[in-house]
Amino acid sequence: MINNLYAGLVLATRIYPNDNYAIQFGITTAVGQKKIDWNGLVFPDQLDGKHGNVYPSNFTEPYRSNVVYPDFNFGGVLNYNSDKMNARIGGSLNHIFEPNIGFIDNESKLRMKFVAHADAVVYVGSGSSNKGRRGSDQVGKLNPGFLYENQYGANTFSLGVSGYKSNIYLGLWLRNEDISDLNLSTMVFLTGVNLPVSDDSRVKIIYSYDYIMNAMVGTGGTHEISVMFEFSNQNIFGATSGKGGRKNYGTEPCSTF
């Protein structure tokens, strides 16, 4: 009954102040569309207590059933790389101009969303960070991190740590959601494997279980299985180096996590 279409263009740049730091900025310019079929809805005046939906409705359709709106998002990340760790901190603003997306209420806005995040991959044991990024089972890795989201008074905060050794993942995370009068706390357990396919590709299989800690009747845990294929050292735009070519800073390697 409600169809959503969203298309955008992402522009990003990366700056290298020195060998250890990289600063990335990105902006998204997009157009969204919402369309509703009022004939597919059932209103209270159509219902009979015994026979169900039998009456015509007196509902008058609003002046519009199709909404087209512009949308803008901006974000940035500061990366730090060394032989012992890889860390990043960043944030983003989504729906910056809060476009109107309502069919009836002209003040029904898509509220701005703020996201802040930080995490680090700490290499434990022998080996360099380069080996660690490729998933070498000689190097153990710890990945602490947090994620904070706020949108019009609704807050979500996640905090936890994951570990990796010998191609095996283990992790424990705590997520707290504070939305209106609802406060929901969830413990997330995860485990998985990282299977190298070649020097530049691998497959990740992750299983996670969300355990709801609040005493809520009729709620249980959530199981999730994720399968990810990752490819490193792939240059989409064919950047070149050397005389007469563009300077190639190389690709950012995918984190083991």
Protein backbone atom coordinates (compact mmCIF):
# COMPACT_ATOMS: atom_id res chain seq x y z
CA MET A 1 0.00 0.00 0.00
CA ILE A 2 2.94 2.30 0.64
CA ASN A 3 5.81 2.28 -1.82
CA ASN A 4 9.15 3.91 -1.06
CA LEU A 5 11.83 4.80 -3.59
CA TYR A 6 15.15 6.39 -2.65
CA ALA A 7 18.06 7.17 -4.95
CA GLY A 8 21.16 9.23 -4.28
CA LEU A 9 24.65 10.20 -5.34
CA VAL A 10 27.53 9.78 -2.89
CA LEU A 11 30.62 11.99 -3.15
CA ALA A 12 33.62 11.30 -0.92
CA THR A 13 37.23 12.33 -0.52
CA ARG A 14 40.18 11.12 1.53
CA ILE A 15 43.02 13.25 2.91
CA TYR A 16 46.33 11.89 4.26
CA PRO A 17 47.95 14.34 6.74
CA ASN A 18 50.76 11.80 7.31
CA ASP A 19 51.51 8.09 7.06
CA ASN A 20 49.45 7.20 10.13
CA TYR A 21 46.31 9.27 9.68
CA ALA A 22 43.60 9.49 7.06
CA ILE A 23 40.59 11.81 7.09
CA GLN A 24 37.53 10.93 5.06
CA PHE A 25 34.50 13.09 4.26
CA GLY A 26 31.39 12.18 2.35
CA ILE A 27 28.10 13.75 1.34
CA THR A 28 24.96 12.20 -0.10
CA THR A 29 22.50 14.11 -2.25
CA ALA A 30 19.34 12.10 -2.75
CA VAL A 31 15.71 12.18 -3.84
CA GLY A 32 13.05 10.14 -2.08
CA GLN A 33 9.51 9.24 -3.10
CA LYS A 34 6.60 7.92 -1.03
CA LYS A 35 3.39 6.80 -2.68
CA ILE A 36 0.27 5.45 -0.98
CA ASP A 37 -2.75 3.59 -2.33
CA TRP A 38 -5.67 4.82 -0.24
CA ASN A 39 -7.98 2.19 -1.74
CA GLY A 40 -5.92 -0.50 -0.05
CA LEU A 41 -6.71 0.81 3.44
CA VAL A 42 -9.62 -0.21 5.68
CA PHE A 43 -11.14 2.48 7.94
CA PRO A 44 -13.23 2.00 11.12
CA ASP A 45 -16.51 3.10 9.50
CA GLN A 46 -16.22 0.21 7.01
CA LEU A 47 -16.34 -2.48 9.70
CA ASP A 48 -19.33 -4.35 11.04
CA GLY A 49 -19.02 -6.14 14.37
CA LYS A 50 -20.35 -9.38 12.92
CA HIS A 51 -19.63 -9.36 9.19
CA GLY A 52 -16.38 -7.41 9.05
CA ASN A 53 -15.55 -5.11 6.15
CA VAL A 54 -18.94 -4.53 4.50
CA TYR A 55 -19.63 -0.76 4.47
CA PRO A 56 -18.33 1.99 2.18
CA SER A 57 -16.10 4.55 3.86
CA ASN A 58 -16.78 8.25 4.24
CA PHE A 59 -13.04 8.89 4.29
CA THR A 60 -11.98 11.70 1.96
CA GLU A 61 -8.59 11.24 0.38
CA PRO A 62 -6.03 13.97 1.17
CA TYR A 63 -4.91 16.33 -1.54
CA ARG A 64 -1.90 14.19 -2.33
CA SER A 65 -0.97 10.52 -2.40
CA ASN A 66 2.54 10.99 -3.78
CA VAL A 67 5.38 12.78 -1.97
CA VAL A 68 8.74 13.60 -3.55
CA TYR A 69 11.40 15.14 -1.34
CA PRO A 70 15.14 16.00 -1.43
CA ASP A 71 17.48 14.62 1.20
CA PHE A 72 21.05 15.43 2.25
CA ASN A 73 23.47 13.52 4.49
CA PHE A 74 27.02 14.30 5.61
CA GLY A 75 29.63 12.28 7.48
CA GLY A 76 33.30 12.09 8.33
CA VAL A 77 35.81 9.59 9.75
CA LEU A 78 39.29 9.99 11.21
CA ASN A 79 41.43 6.85 10.76
CA TYR A 80 44.63 5.98 12.60
CA ASN A 81 46.91 3.13 11.47
CA SER A 82 50.02 1.67 13.06
CA ASP A 83 51.69 -1.71 13.43
CA LYS A 84 49.87 -2.30 16.72
CA MET A 85 46.37 -1.03 16.06
CA ASN A 86 43.87 0.42 13.62
CA ALA A 87 41.41 2.93 15.09
CA ARG A 88 38.71 5.21 13.80
CA ILE A 89 36.25 7.76 15.12
CA GLY A 90 33.51 9.43 13.14
CA GLY A 91 30.03 10.81 12.91
CA SER A 92 27.27 11.68 10.49
CA LEU A 93 24.21 13.87 10.10
CA ASN A 94 21.32 12.39 8.14
CA HIS A 95 18.25 14.21 6.79
CA ILE A 96 19.95 17.54 7.47
CA PHE A 97 17.12 19.75 6.21
CA GLU A 98 14.32 17.58 7.67
CA PRO A 99 12.14 17.26 4.55
CA ASN A 100 8.37 17.00 4.81
CA ILE A 101 7.24 13.45 4.03
CA GLY A 102 3.61 13.55 5.20
CA PHE A 103 0.56 12.91 3.05
CA ILE A 104 -1.80 14.83 5.34
CA ASP A 105 0.18 16.92 7.84
CA ASN A 106 2.44 19.53 6.27
CA GLU A 107 4.62 19.38 9.40
CA SER A 108 5.28 15.64 9.18
CA LYS A 109 9.04 15.88 8.82
CA LEU A 110 11.77 13.29 8.44
CA ARG A 111 13.75 14.31 11.50
CA MET A 112 17.50 14.77 11.53
CA LYS A 113 19.49 11.78 12.75
CA PHE A 114 22.89 12.05 14.43
CA VAL A 115 25.30 9.10 14.57
CA ALA A 116 28.62 8.90 16.43
CA HIS A 117 30.89 5.87 16.43
CA ALA A 118 34.39 4.78 17.37
CA ASP A 119 36.24 1.49 17.38
CA ALA A 120 39.73 0.06 17.30
CA VAL A 121 41.32 -3.19 16.15
CA VAL A 122 44.19 -3.97 18.52
CA TYR A 123 46.71 -6.56 17.31
CA VAL A 124 47.80 -9.02 19.99
CA GLY A 125 50.84 -11.24 19.51
CA SER A 126 53.53 -11.37 16.86
CA GLY A 127 53.11 -9.98 13.36
CA SER A 128 52.36 -6.63 11.82
CA SER A 129 49.10 -4.88 11.18
CA ASN A 130 49.32 -5.82 7.52
CA LYS A 131 49.22 -9.50 8.41
CA GLY A 132 46.44 -8.87 10.88
CA ARG A 133 44.25 -7.22 8.28
CA ARG A 134 44.53 -10.19 5.98
CA GLY A 135 43.21 -12.41 8.71
CA SER A 136 46.42 -14.28 9.58
CA ASP A 137 45.72 -16.76 12.37
CA GLN A 138 49.14 -15.92 13.88
CA VAL A 139 47.80 -12.59 15.14
CA GLY A 140 45.00 -12.20 17.66
CA LYS A 141 42.77 -9.16 17.50
CA LEU A 142 40.51 -7.31 19.90
CA ASN A 143 37.85 -4.95 18.59
CA PRO A 144 36.25 -2.67 21.23
CA GLY A 145 33.78 -0.10 19.97
CA PHE A 146 30.64 1.93 20.51
CA LEU A 147 27.79 3.34 18.43
CA TYR A 148 25.41 6.15 19.44
CA GLU A 149 22.32 7.23 17.47
CA ASN A 150 19.86 10.02 18.20
CA GLN A 151 16.79 10.98 16.20
CA TYR A 152 14.18 13.36 17.59
CA GLY A 153 14.54 12.18 21.16
CA ALA A 154 14.99 8.48 20.39
CA ASN A 155 18.39 7.24 21.55
CA THR A 156 20.27 4.03 20.84
CA PHE A 157 23.63 3.17 22.35
CA SER A 158 25.75 0.07 21.68
CA LEU A 159 28.97 -0.85 23.47
CA GLY A 160 31.02 -4.03 23.35
CA VAL A 161 34.07 -5.96 22.26
CA SER A 162 34.80 -8.72 19.76
CA GLY A 163 37.80 -11.01 19.59
CA TYR A 164 39.42 -12.88 16.72
CA LYS A 165 41.98 -15.68 16.70
CA SER A 166 42.68 -18.62 14.36
CA ASN A 167 39.87 -17.50 12.03
CA ILE A 168 37.29 -17.66 14.87
CA TYR A 169 35.16 -14.74 16.11
CA LEU A 170 33.69 -14.25 19.57
CA GLY A 171 31.92 -11.13 20.78
CA LEU A 172 29.72 -9.64 23.48
CA TRP A 173 27.80 -6.37 23.02
CA LEU A 174 25.24 -4.41 25.01
CA ARG A 175 22.60 -2.32 23.26
CA ASN A 176 20.24 0.12 24.96
CA GLU A 177 17.27 1.70 23.17
CA ASP A 178 15.42 4.61 24.76
CA ILE A 179 12.39 5.46 22.60
CA SER A 180 9.60 7.53 24.16
CA ASP A 181 8.43 5.56 27.24
CA LEU A 182 10.12 2.34 26.10
CA ASN A 183 13.55 1.45 27.42
CA LEU A 184 14.92 -1.77 25.98
CA SER A 185 18.24 -3.36 26.89
CA THR A 186 19.67 -6.18 24.80
CA MET A 187 22.72 -8.38 25.21
CA VAL A 188 24.20 -9.56 21.90
CA PHE A 189 26.34 -12.69 21.69
CA LEU A 190 28.13 -13.44 18.44
CA THR A 191 30.44 -16.06 17.01
CA GLY A 192 31.66 -16.86 13.53
CA VAL A 193 34.43 -17.86 11.18
CA ASN A 194 36.61 -16.01 8.68
CA LEU A 195 37.47 -18.32 5.79
CA PRO A 196 40.26 -17.12 3.47
CA VAL A 197 39.58 -17.90 -0.19
CA SER A 198 42.74 -16.30 -1.57
CA ASP A 199 45.27 -13.63 -0.55
CA ASP A 200 42.78 -10.91 -1.52
CA SER A 201 39.39 -12.43 -0.70
CA ARG A 202 37.58 -14.18 2.13
CA VAL A 203 34.17 -15.27 3.35
CA LYS A 204 32.79 -14.34 6.77
CA ILE A 205 29.98 -16.32 8.39
CA ILE A 206 28.63 -14.73 11.58
CA TYR A 207 25.92 -15.97 13.95
CA SER A 208 24.46 -13.62 16.56
CA TYR A 209 21.83 -13.97 19.26
CA ASP A 210 20.04 -10.98 20.80
CA TYR A 211 18.88 -11.60 24.37
CA ILE A 212 16.32 -9.08 25.65
CA MET A 213 17.13 -8.29 29.27
CA ASN A 214 13.91 -6.46 30.15
CA ALA A 215 11.06 -8.38 31.76
CA MET A 216 8.74 -8.09 28.78
CA VAL A 217 6.03 -10.70 28.31
CA GLY A 218 5.93 -12.49 24.97
CA THR A 219 9.37 -11.44 23.81
CA GLY A 220 12.23 -13.78 23.05
CA GLY A 221 15.67 -13.66 21.58
CA THR A 222 16.53 -13.01 17.96
CA HIS A 223 18.78 -15.23 15.89
CA GLU A 224 20.69 -13.85 12.90
CA ILE A 225 23.13 -15.38 10.43
CA SER A 226 25.23 -13.13 8.17
CA VAL A 227 27.33 -14.20 5.19
CA MET A 228 29.79 -11.64 3.78
CA PHE A 229 32.16 -11.82 0.84
CA GLU A 230 35.11 -9.40 0.99
CA PHE A 231 37.71 -8.48 -1.60
CA SER A 232 40.87 -6.51 -0.81
CA ASN A 233 43.22 -4.55 -3.09
CA GLN A 234 40.53 -3.94 -5.68
CA ASN A 235 40.83 -0.60 -7.51
CA ILE A 236 37.52 0.33 -9.10
CA PHE A 237 38.71 3.46 -10.89
CA GLY A 238 42.04 2.08 -12.07
CA ALA A 239 44.22 4.67 -10.34
CA THR A 240 47.79 4.67 -11.56
CA SER A 241 51.08 5.77 -10.12
CA GLY A 242 54.31 6.91 -11.62
CA LYS A 243 55.16 9.54 -14.20
CA GLY A 244 52.17 10.94 -16.02
CA GLY A 245 49.63 9.15 -13.82
CA ARG A 246 47.54 9.93 -10.84
CA LYS A 247 49.13 9.37 -7.47
CA ASN A 248 47.82 6.13 -6.00
CA TYR A 249 47.55 6.00 -2.22
CA GLY A 250 46.26 2.44 -2.43
CA THR A 251 43.07 1.01 -1.05
CA GLU A 252 42.10 0.89 2.59
CA PRO A 253 42.24 -2.78 3.60
CA CYS A 254 39.10 -4.33 5.03
CA SER A 255 39.16 -4.89 8.74
CA THR A 256 39.04 -8.49 9.91
CA PHE A 257 35.86 -7.51 11.74
